Amino acid sequence: MRNRQQQFGDSGEAAAARHLKRIGYRIVMRNFHGRRGEVDIIARDGDTLVFVEVKARRSGRFGSPKDALTPHKQRQLSMAALEYLKSTGLTDTRARFDVVAITDGAEGHRIEVVKNAFELAYG
């Protein structure tokens, strides 16, 4: 059984996927698990393959959800993305990393999409 935090994360990812669809992304896969990390959402934005990290917070009390994307997490996402590209034969495909930041508030979800949030990070 999933705990409350996991359920909150799941609902954030679902809200992010719905929002991305509304703004024209096509969802390819959710929750890709590689040996070196996980990607929350893989989508297409036109001809670009987008690796999306979803960061959700119940409030802004501990800072923006975007601030939680540490250099270590960026490296993990990069390695998982490279693994996905290799395993699917898409290494020549244009790709980028986006972040969907979700903050719950009195008015409901506030969703922000940050395109090209970071460059490929490895090493």
C-alpha atoms as a PDB file:
ATOM      1  CA  MET A   1       0.000   0.000   0.000  1.00  0.00           C
ATOM      2  CA  ARG A   2       1.312   3.453  -0.918  1.00  0.00           C
ATOM      3  CA  ASN A   3       1.862   5.974   1.841  1.00  0.00           C
ATOM      4  CA  ARG A   4       0.426   9.490   1.873  1.00  0.00           C
ATOM      5  CA  GLN A   5       3.548  11.076   0.360  1.00  0.00           C
ATOM      6  CA  GLN A   6       3.627   8.535  -2.482  1.00  0.00           C
ATOM      7  CA  GLN A   7      -0.068   9.114  -3.155  1.00  0.00           C
ATOM      8  CA  PHE A   8       0.578  12.873  -3.261  1.00  0.00           C
ATOM      9  CA  GLY A   9       3.427  12.283  -5.724  1.00  0.00           C
ATOM     10  CA  ASP A  10       1.215  10.052  -7.883  1.00  0.00           C
ATOM     11  CA  SER A  11      -1.534  12.681  -7.988  1.00  0.00           C
ATOM     12  CA  GLY A  12       1.053  15.348  -8.870  1.00  0.00           C
ATOM     13  CA  GLU A  13       2.350  13.259 -11.764  1.00  0.00           C
ATOM     14  CA  ALA A  14      -1.207  12.660 -13.005  1.00  0.00           C
ATOM     15  CA  ALA A  15      -1.961  16.402 -12.816  1.00  0.00           C
ATOM     16  CA  ALA A  16       1.283  17.153 -14.664  1.00  0.00           C
ATOM     17  CA  ALA A  17       0.439  14.659 -17.434  1.00  0.00           C
ATOM     18  CA  ARG A  18      -3.037  16.170 -17.859  1.00  0.00           C
ATOM     19  CA  HIS A  19      -1.582  19.671 -18.002  1.00  0.00           C
ATOM     20  CA  LEU A  20       1.084  18.678 -20.529  1.00  0.00           C
ATOM     21  CA  LYS A  21      -1.591  17.108 -22.758  1.00  0.00           C
ATOM     22  CA  ARG A  22      -3.662  20.317 -22.551  1.00  0.00           C
ATOM     23  CA  ILE A  23      -0.727  22.393 -23.780  1.00  0.00           C
ATOM     24  CA  GLY A  24       0.040  20.072 -26.678  1.00  0.00           C
ATOM     25  CA  TYR A  25       2.519  17.478 -25.420  1.00  0.00           C
ATOM     26  CA  ARG A  26       1.920  13.838 -26.338  1.00  0.00           C
ATOM     27  CA  ILE A  27       2.672  11.473 -23.460  1.00  0.00           C
ATOM     28  CA  VAL A  28       4.895   8.581 -24.566  1.00  0.00           C
ATOM     29  CA  MET A  29       5.478   6.907 -21.197  1.00  0.00           C
ATOM     30  CA  ARG A  30       5.158   7.487 -17.488  1.00  0.00           C
ATOM     31  CA  ASN A  31       7.572   6.264 -14.826  1.00  0.00           C
ATOM     32  CA  PHE A  32      10.443   4.936 -16.903  1.00  0.00           C
ATOM     33  CA  HIS A  33      12.740   3.020 -14.559  1.00  0.00           C
ATOM     34  CA  GLY A  34      16.304   2.496 -15.682  1.00  0.00           C
ATOM     35  CA  ARG A  35      19.273   1.061 -13.846  1.00  0.00           C
ATOM     36  CA  ARG A  36      20.570   4.563 -13.053  1.00  0.00           C
ATOM     37  CA  GLY A  37      17.358   6.425 -12.318  1.00  0.00           C
ATOM     38  CA  GLU A  38      13.743   7.150 -13.130  1.00  0.00           C
ATOM     39  CA  VAL A  39      12.004   9.616 -15.420  1.00  0.00           C
ATOM     40  CA  ASP A  40       8.529  10.675 -14.314  1.00  0.00           C
ATOM     41  CA  ILE A  41       7.146  11.432 -17.785  1.00  0.00           C
ATOM     42  CA  ILE A  42       8.529  11.024 -21.296  1.00  0.00           C
ATOM     43  CA  ALA A  43       6.617  13.054 -23.849  1.00  0.00           C
ATOM     44  CA  ARG A  44       6.793  14.576 -27.310  1.00  0.00           C
ATOM     45  CA  ASP A  45       6.578  18.308 -27.879  1.00  0.00           C
ATOM     46  CA  GLY A  46       6.507  18.536 -31.643  1.00  0.00           C
ATOM     47  CA  ASP A  47       9.574  16.684 -32.881  1.00  0.00           C
ATOM     48  CA  THR A  48      11.394  16.942 -29.546  1.00  0.00           C
ATOM     49  CA  LEU A  49      11.480  14.120 -27.030  1.00  0.00           C
ATOM     50  CA  VAL A  50      11.029  15.600 -23.558  1.00  0.00           C
ATOM     51  CA  PHE A  51      12.131  14.029 -20.289  1.00  0.00           C
ATOM     52  CA  VAL A  52       9.947  15.542 -17.586  1.00  0.00           C
ATOM     53  CA  GLU A  53      10.646  15.660 -13.874  1.00  0.00           C
ATOM     54  CA  VAL A  54       7.607  16.438 -11.739  1.00  0.00           C
ATOM     55  CA  LYS A  55       8.189  18.253  -8.461  1.00  0.00           C
ATOM     56  CA  ALA A  56       5.197  18.808  -6.201  1.00  0.00           C
ATOM     57  CA  ARG A  57       4.889  20.588  -2.874  1.00  0.00           C
ATOM     58  CA  ARG A  58       1.926  20.963  -0.562  1.00  0.00           C
ATOM     59  CA  SER A  59       2.877  24.628  -0.056  1.00  0.00           C
ATOM     60  CA  GLY A  60       5.642  27.095  -0.828  1.00  0.00           C
ATOM     61  CA  ARG A  61       6.778  26.962   2.796  1.00  0.00           C
ATOM     62  CA  PHE A  62       9.967  25.052   2.004  1.00  0.00           C
ATOM     63  CA  GLY A  63      10.718  26.833  -1.258  1.00  0.00           C
ATOM     64  CA  SER A  64       9.766  26.292  -4.847  1.00  0.00           C
ATOM     65  CA  PRO A  65       9.415  22.746  -6.132  1.00  0.00           C
ATOM     66  CA  LYS A  66      11.924  23.697  -8.842  1.00  0.00           C
ATOM     67  CA  ASP A  67      14.577  24.202  -6.150  1.00  0.00           C
ATOM     68  CA  ALA A  68      14.386  20.499  -5.287  1.00  0.00           C
ATOM     69  CA  LEU A  69      16.038  19.528  -8.584  1.00  0.00           C
ATOM     70  CA  THR A  70      19.574  19.127  -7.262  1.00  0.00           C
ATOM     71  CA  PRO A  71      22.673  18.551  -9.433  1.00  0.00           C
ATOM     72  CA  HIS A  72      22.648  14.929  -8.209  1.00  0.00           C
ATOM     73  CA  LYS A  73      19.046  14.482  -9.388  1.00  0.00           C
ATOM     74  CA  GLN A  74      19.929  16.123 -12.715  1.00  0.00           C
ATOM     75  CA  ARG A  75      22.711  13.547 -13.213  1.00  0.00           C
ATOM     76  CA  GLN A  76      20.328  10.683 -12.359  1.00  0.00           C
ATOM     77  CA  LEU A  77      17.744  11.980 -14.827  1.00  0.00           C
ATOM     78  CA  SER A  78      20.402  12.427 -17.490  1.00  0.00           C
ATOM     79  CA  MET A  79      21.667   8.871 -17.070  1.00  0.00           C
ATOM     80  CA  ALA A  80      18.117   7.460 -17.157  1.00  0.00           C
ATOM     81  CA  ALA A  81      17.355   9.527 -20.272  1.00  0.00           C
ATOM     82  CA  LEU A  82      20.507   8.271 -22.015  1.00  0.00           C
ATOM     83  CA  GLU A  83      19.557   4.707 -21.106  1.00  0.00           C
ATOM     84  CA  TYR A  84      16.061   5.234 -22.550  1.00  0.00           C
ATOM     85  CA  LEU A  85      17.456   6.755 -25.764  1.00  0.00           C
ATOM     86  CA  LYS A  86      19.894   3.877 -26.234  1.00  0.00           C
ATOM     87  CA  SER A  87      17.338   1.173 -25.455  1.00  0.00           C
ATOM     88  CA  THR A  88      14.849   2.612 -27.942  1.00  0.00           C
ATOM     89  CA  GLY A  89      17.365   3.417 -30.691  1.00  0.00           C
ATOM     90  CA  LEU A  90      16.550   7.138 -30.465  1.00  0.00           C
ATOM     91  CA  THR A  91      20.060   8.454 -29.770  1.00  0.00           C
ATOM     92  CA  ASP A  92      19.850  10.861 -32.750  1.00  0.00           C
ATOM     93  CA  THR A  93      16.542  12.349 -31.573  1.00  0.00           C
ATOM     94  CA  ARG A  94      16.342  15.953 -30.386  1.00  0.00           C
ATOM     95  CA  ALA A  95      15.676  15.871 -26.648  1.00  0.00           C
ATOM     96  CA  ARG A  96      15.416  18.193 -23.657  1.00  0.00           C
ATOM     97  CA  PHE A  97      14.656  18.200 -19.944  1.00  0.00           C
ATOM     98  CA  ASP A  98      11.574  19.999 -18.615  1.00  0.00           C
ATOM     99  CA  VAL A  99      10.384  20.364 -15.050  1.00  0.00           C
ATOM    100  CA  VAL A 100       6.747  20.579 -14.032  1.00  0.00           C
ATOM    101  CA  ALA A 101       6.519  22.352 -10.680  1.00  0.00           C
ATOM    102  CA  ILE A 102       3.248  21.905  -8.808  1.00  0.00           C
ATOM    103  CA  THR A 103       2.346  23.762  -5.645  1.00  0.00           C
ATOM    104  CA  ASP A 104      -0.874  23.118  -3.769  1.00  0.00           C
ATOM    105  CA  GLY A 105      -2.472  26.182  -2.328  1.00  0.00           C
ATOM    106  CA  ALA A 106      -5.769  27.609  -1.168  1.00  0.00           C
ATOM    107  CA  GLU A 107      -6.736  28.159  -4.812  1.00  0.00           C
ATOM    108  CA  GLY A 108      -5.817  24.606  -5.849  1.00  0.00           C
ATOM    109  CA  HIS A 109      -2.867  23.395  -7.939  1.00  0.00           C
ATOM    110  CA  ARG A 110      -0.475  25.957  -9.373  1.00  0.00           C
ATOM    111  CA  ILE A 111       1.343  24.290 -12.277  1.00  0.00           C
ATOM    112  CA  GLU A 112       4.411  25.739 -13.966  1.00  0.00           C
ATOM    113  CA  VAL A 113       6.259  24.118 -16.873  1.00  0.00           C
ATOM    114  CA  VAL A 114       9.924  25.014 -17.130  1.00  0.00           C
ATOM    115  CA  LYS A 115      11.176  24.110 -20.593  1.00  0.00           C
ATOM    116  CA  ASN A 116      14.883  23.328 -21.006  1.00  0.00           C
ATOM    117  CA  ALA A 117      15.242  23.340 -17.229  1.00  0.00           C
ATOM    118  CA  PHE A 118      18.796  21.970 -17.394  1.00  0.00           C
ATOM    119  CA  GLU A 119      21.343  20.559 -19.793  1.00  0.00           C
ATOM    120  CA  LEU A 120      22.465  16.944 -19.966  1.00  0.00           C
ATOM    121  CA  ALA A 121      24.489  16.326 -16.803  1.00  0.00           C
ATOM    122  CA  TYR A 122      26.824  13.401 -16.297  1.00  0.00           C
ATOM    123  CA  GLY A 123      30.076  12.512 -14.668  1.00  0.00           C
END
